[in-house]
Amino acid sequence: MRVLGIDPGLRNLGWGVIEVDGPRLRHVANGIIHSAGDDLARRLVALHAGLTEVLREHAPDTAAVEQTFVNKDAVATLKLGQARGIALLVPAQAGLEVGEYAPNAVKKAVVGVGHAEKRQVEHMVRFQLPGVDLAGPDAADALAVAICHAHHLQGAGRMARALGQAGRGVARAGGVA
């Protein structure tokens, strides 16, 4: 299964694709989509076009986006929210399910600590994806989102299998499943 992770940003939108094979993770690609200028609409179009190309080229099966936090600058928060909207829209347009994760959840999944520093996240991304050549910090964050989503999906799969086995066990014992 291929997982696309997205770290939304208006100027720099990080993306990363990993391959998940059971418990094994493998790096496929990563990068940063840049938008420039003062025209917000044109910047959003650039992000949409760039992310659409990433999906076309790497054909992920699922996607995940990091949730944004509200800061003191309401205008900046609103603009970041619009970039996040593009990050949610493009995979949804391609028919993908899109997971959303808080930054602390991503850090906890990758580093083991919810308040890890950026350099710790980057270190653990490199550790979990040996040989990865990171396009930059935004791409490292996007790969961390993909890893978090992969762990979430793996956990959900284990839970579904356990519930299925438990139901069969109850049915064999003569109970109602």
Protein backbone atom coordinates (compact mmCIF):
# COMPACT_ATOMS: atom_id res chain seq x y z
CA MET A 1 0.00 0.00 0.00
CA ARG A 2 1.27 3.48 -0.83
CA VAL A 3 0.68 6.28 1.65
CA LEU A 4 0.95 9.99 0.83
CA GLY A 5 1.71 12.31 3.73
CA ILE A 6 1.16 16.05 3.39
CA ASP A 7 2.49 18.89 5.52
CA PRO A 8 0.36 21.86 4.41
CA GLY A 9 1.92 25.25 3.89
CA LEU A 10 1.08 28.17 1.65
CA ARG A 11 4.65 28.88 0.54
CA ASN A 12 6.06 25.37 1.04
CA LEU A 13 3.78 22.33 0.98
CA GLY A 14 5.73 19.22 1.95
CA TRP A 15 4.81 15.80 0.60
CA GLY A 16 6.14 12.31 1.06
CA VAL A 17 5.18 8.89 -0.26
CA ILE A 18 5.99 5.61 1.47
CA GLU A 19 5.29 1.98 0.64
CA VAL A 20 3.85 -0.14 3.46
CA ASP A 21 4.36 -3.91 3.33
CA GLY A 22 3.19 -5.41 6.62
CA PRO A 23 5.40 -3.88 9.30
CA ARG A 24 8.00 -2.71 6.75
CA LEU A 25 8.11 0.87 5.50
CA ARG A 26 9.99 1.97 2.39
CA HIS A 27 10.60 5.47 1.09
CA VAL A 28 9.23 6.10 -2.41
CA ALA A 29 9.59 9.86 -2.92
CA ASN A 30 9.37 13.23 -1.20
CA GLY A 31 9.44 16.88 -2.11
CA ILE A 32 8.21 20.39 -1.56
CA ILE A 33 5.71 22.25 -3.70
CA HIS A 34 6.53 25.97 -3.70
CA SER A 35 4.15 28.82 -4.40
CA ALA A 36 5.24 32.41 -4.77
CA GLY A 37 3.83 35.87 -5.19
CA ASP A 38 1.15 37.91 -3.49
CA ASP A 39 -1.90 36.61 -5.38
CA LEU A 40 -3.45 34.07 -3.01
CA ALA A 41 -5.64 32.50 -5.69
CA ARG A 42 -2.67 31.86 -8.00
CA ARG A 43 -0.66 30.39 -5.11
CA LEU A 44 -3.50 27.99 -4.31
CA VAL A 45 -3.70 27.00 -7.98
CA ALA A 46 0.05 26.27 -7.94
CA LEU A 47 -0.35 24.06 -4.86
CA HIS A 48 -3.33 22.26 -6.44
CA ALA A 49 -1.46 21.63 -9.70
CA GLY A 50 1.70 20.47 -7.93
CA LEU A 51 -0.11 18.11 -5.58
CA THR A 52 -2.24 16.75 -8.44
CA GLU A 53 0.98 15.93 -10.29
CA VAL A 54 2.38 14.14 -7.20
CA LEU A 55 -0.74 11.95 -7.06
CA ARG A 56 -0.59 11.24 -10.78
CA GLU A 57 3.08 10.30 -10.64
CA HIS A 58 3.12 8.23 -7.44
CA ALA A 59 -0.44 6.76 -7.32
CA PRO A 60 -0.94 6.53 -3.55
CA ASP A 61 -3.69 4.33 -2.10
CA THR A 62 -4.43 6.61 0.84
CA ALA A 63 -3.36 10.02 2.15
CA ALA A 64 -2.96 11.89 5.40
CA VAL A 65 -2.69 15.58 6.22
CA GLU A 66 -1.30 17.24 9.31
CA GLN A 67 -3.84 19.39 11.12
CA THR A 68 -2.96 23.03 11.59
CA PHE A 69 -2.88 24.92 14.83
CA VAL A 70 -4.37 28.34 15.41
CA ASN A 71 -1.79 30.99 16.15
CA LYS A 72 -2.06 34.61 17.20
CA ASP A 73 -2.04 35.91 13.61
CA ALA A 74 -5.58 35.24 12.38
CA VAL A 75 -4.79 36.23 8.78
CA ALA A 76 -1.84 33.81 8.60
CA THR A 77 -3.95 31.06 10.17
CA LEU A 78 -6.69 31.62 7.60
CA LYS A 79 -4.22 31.47 4.70
CA LEU A 80 -2.67 28.28 6.09
CA GLY A 81 -6.18 26.84 6.39
CA GLN A 82 -6.74 27.53 2.70
CA ALA A 83 -3.53 25.67 1.82
CA ARG A 84 -4.71 22.84 4.06
CA GLY A 85 -7.98 22.84 2.13
CA ILE A 86 -6.01 22.16 -1.06
CA ALA A 87 -4.11 19.38 0.76
CA LEU A 88 -7.43 17.74 1.66
CA LEU A 89 -9.16 18.44 -1.66
CA VAL A 90 -6.65 16.97 -4.11
CA PRO A 91 -6.51 13.44 -2.60
CA ALA A 92 -10.29 13.49 -2.08
CA GLN A 93 -10.76 14.40 -5.76
CA ALA A 94 -8.65 11.35 -6.62
CA GLY A 95 -11.03 9.19 -4.58
CA LEU A 96 -8.65 8.60 -1.66
CA GLU A 97 -9.58 8.39 1.99
CA VAL A 98 -7.74 11.16 3.84
CA GLY A 99 -6.62 10.84 7.45
CA GLU A 100 -5.94 13.90 9.60
CA TYR A 101 -3.48 13.99 12.50
CA ALA A 102 -2.56 16.60 15.07
CA PRO A 103 1.13 17.56 15.09
CA ASN A 104 1.59 15.99 18.54
CA ALA A 105 0.07 12.70 17.34
CA VAL A 106 2.50 12.63 14.39
CA LYS A 107 5.47 13.31 16.67
CA LYS A 108 4.36 10.64 19.13
CA ALA A 109 3.94 8.05 16.36
CA VAL A 110 7.36 8.77 14.84
CA VAL A 111 9.51 9.78 17.82
CA GLY A 112 7.56 8.36 20.76
CA VAL A 113 7.13 11.79 22.34
CA GLY A 114 4.33 14.21 21.45
CA HIS A 115 6.41 17.33 22.00
CA ALA A 116 9.50 16.30 20.02
CA GLU A 117 11.60 18.90 18.23
CA LYS A 118 11.80 19.10 14.44
CA ARG A 119 15.35 17.70 14.38
CA GLN A 120 14.21 14.67 16.41
CA VAL A 121 11.39 14.03 13.93
CA GLU A 122 13.81 14.33 11.00
CA HIS A 123 16.26 11.94 12.72
CA MET A 124 13.56 9.31 13.29
CA VAL A 125 12.24 9.67 9.72
CA ARG A 126 15.78 8.95 8.50
CA PHE A 127 16.01 6.00 10.91
CA GLN A 128 12.67 4.49 9.82
CA LEU A 129 13.31 5.10 6.10
CA PRO A 130 17.00 4.19 5.65
CA GLY A 131 18.74 5.92 2.75
CA VAL A 132 16.09 8.62 2.38
CA ASP A 133 17.29 11.86 0.79
CA LEU A 134 15.06 14.55 2.29
CA ALA A 135 14.04 17.50 0.12
CA GLY A 136 13.86 19.66 3.27
CA PRO A 137 12.17 19.99 6.66
CA ASP A 138 8.67 20.24 5.15
CA ALA A 139 9.21 16.99 3.25
CA ALA A 140 10.52 15.33 6.43
CA ASP A 141 7.36 16.43 8.24
CA ALA A 142 5.22 15.05 5.40
CA LEU A 143 7.00 11.69 5.58
CA ALA A 144 6.36 11.71 9.34
CA VAL A 145 2.64 12.21 8.61
CA ALA A 146 2.74 9.26 6.18
CA ILE A 147 4.48 7.08 8.80
CA CYS A 148 1.90 8.10 11.41
CA HIS A 149 -0.93 7.18 9.03
CA ALA A 150 0.72 3.84 8.20
CA HIS A 151 0.96 3.02 11.93
CA HIS A 152 -2.67 4.03 12.40
CA LEU A 153 -3.79 1.81 9.51
CA GLN A 154 -1.69 -1.10 10.77
CA GLY A 155 -3.20 -0.71 14.25
CA ALA A 156 -6.71 -0.52 12.81
CA GLY A 157 -6.04 -3.68 10.81
CA ARG A 158 -4.81 -5.54 13.89
CA MET A 159 -7.86 -4.40 15.82
CA ALA A 160 -10.24 -5.51 13.05
CA ARG A 161 -8.52 -8.92 12.83
CA ALA A 162 -8.62 -9.34 16.62
CA LEU A 163 -12.31 -8.43 16.73
CA GLY A 164 -13.02 -10.85 13.88
CA GLN A 165 -11.15 -13.68 15.61
CA ALA A 166 -12.86 -12.93 18.93
CA GLY A 167 -16.27 -13.05 17.21
CA ARG A 168 -15.46 -16.41 15.61
CA GLY A 169 -14.27 -17.75 18.97
CA VAL A 170 -17.54 -16.75 20.66
CA ALA A 171 -19.55 -18.33 17.81
CA ARG A 172 -17.57 -21.61 18.13
CA ALA A 173 -18.21 -21.61 21.88
CA GLY A 174 -21.93 -21.50 21.22
CA GLY A 175 -22.39 -17.80 22.01
CA VAL A 176 -23.72 -15.04 19.79
CA ALA A 177 -21.11 -13.22 17.74
